[in-house]
Amino acid sequence: MDSENKIIEMLEDKYKTFLLSKKQLAEVMSLSISGIDNLLANDSKKLPQHIKMGQGNKSAIRFSVISVAKFLSKSYEI
C-alpha cells in the first residue's frame, strides 16, 4: 500500500468522513484554524484543494480526504 492510500485510510478511520473541516485539517497539519484561514486567503497553494459549500462569505470550507492525502504525500516525499 502506498503512502497516499495509507493516509486516506488513516483519515477516514479517524474522522469517519470523506470531507474534513478546517478544524480537522488544522489538527492533521498541526496548524491553527486561523493559520488555515490565512493560507486560504493569501496562499492557498500551501493547502490541499478545497471545496466551498455555498456562495456566501461565510460558506463552509471542506477538504476531501483524497486531496489531503495527495497533498501530504507530495509534501513529505523523500
Protein backbone atom coordinates (compact mmCIF):
# COMPACT_ATOMS: atom_id res chain seq x y z
CA MET A 1 0.00 0.00 0.00
CA ASP A 2 1.45 3.37 -0.99
CA SER A 3 1.68 6.34 1.36
CA GLU A 4 -1.31 8.12 -0.21
CA ASN A 5 -3.60 5.15 0.43
CA LYS A 6 -2.28 4.78 3.98
CA ILE A 7 -3.08 8.44 4.68
CA ILE A 8 -6.59 8.07 3.21
CA GLU A 9 -7.23 5.00 5.35
CA MET A 10 -5.95 6.72 8.49
CA LEU A 11 -8.01 9.88 7.92
CA GLU A 12 -11.22 8.00 7.11
CA ASP A 13 -10.74 5.78 10.15
CA LYS A 14 -10.09 8.72 12.49
CA TYR A 15 -12.70 11.20 11.21
CA LYS A 16 -15.37 8.82 9.78
CA THR A 17 -15.98 11.17 6.84
CA PHE A 18 -14.75 11.91 3.34
CA LEU A 19 -14.71 15.70 3.81
CA LEU A 20 -12.63 17.36 6.52
CA SER A 21 -13.49 20.68 8.14
CA LYS A 22 -10.93 23.44 8.64
CA LYS A 23 -10.67 22.37 12.29
CA GLN A 24 -9.92 18.77 11.32
CA LEU A 25 -7.41 19.84 8.66
CA ALA A 26 -5.73 22.13 11.19
CA GLU A 27 -5.33 19.13 13.51
CA VAL A 28 -3.90 16.95 10.72
CA MET A 29 -1.44 19.63 9.60
CA SER A 30 -0.54 20.88 13.12
CA LEU A 31 -1.79 24.38 12.34
CA SER A 32 -4.33 26.67 13.98
CA ILE A 33 -7.69 27.36 12.36
CA SER A 34 -6.61 30.97 11.89
CA GLY A 35 -3.47 29.65 10.16
CA ILE A 36 -5.70 27.70 7.76
CA ASP A 37 -7.81 30.85 7.21
CA ASN A 38 -4.68 32.92 6.49
CA LEU A 39 -3.41 30.39 3.97
CA LEU A 40 -6.82 30.20 2.29
CA ALA A 41 -6.85 33.98 1.93
CA ASN A 42 -3.22 34.53 0.95
CA ASP A 43 -1.52 31.38 -0.30
CA SER A 44 -4.00 28.55 -0.89
CA LYS A 45 -1.35 26.54 -2.80
CA LYS A 46 0.13 25.66 0.59
CA LEU A 47 -3.08 23.76 1.41
CA PRO A 48 -4.88 20.80 -0.14
CA GLN A 49 -7.52 21.64 -2.74
CA HIS A 50 -10.69 22.82 -1.01
CA ILE A 51 -14.42 22.84 -1.68
CA LYS A 52 -16.57 25.87 -0.81
CA MET A 53 -20.02 24.70 0.30
CA GLY A 54 -22.03 27.72 -0.93
CA GLN A 55 -21.66 31.18 -2.40
CA GLY A 56 -21.56 33.47 0.66
CA ASN A 57 -18.56 34.85 2.51
CA LYS A 58 -19.24 32.58 5.48
CA SER A 59 -19.84 29.40 3.49
CA ALA A 60 -18.26 26.28 4.95
CA ILE A 61 -14.95 25.11 3.51
CA ARG A 62 -14.22 21.39 3.27
CA PHE A 63 -11.18 19.38 2.18
CA SER A 64 -11.63 15.93 0.65
CA VAL A 65 -9.68 13.15 2.32
CA ILE A 66 -8.25 12.26 -1.10
CA SER A 67 -6.95 15.79 -1.76
CA VAL A 68 -5.46 15.94 1.75
CA ALA A 69 -3.74 12.58 1.23
CA LYS A 70 -2.34 13.65 -2.15
CA PHE A 71 -1.12 16.94 -0.68
CA LEU A 72 0.53 15.31 2.32
CA SER A 73 2.16 12.51 0.32
CA LYS A 74 3.65 15.07 -2.11
CA SER A 75 4.66 17.47 0.66
CA TYR A 76 6.57 14.83 2.59
CA GLU A 77 8.20 12.85 -0.23
CA ILE A 78 11.76 11.88 0.48
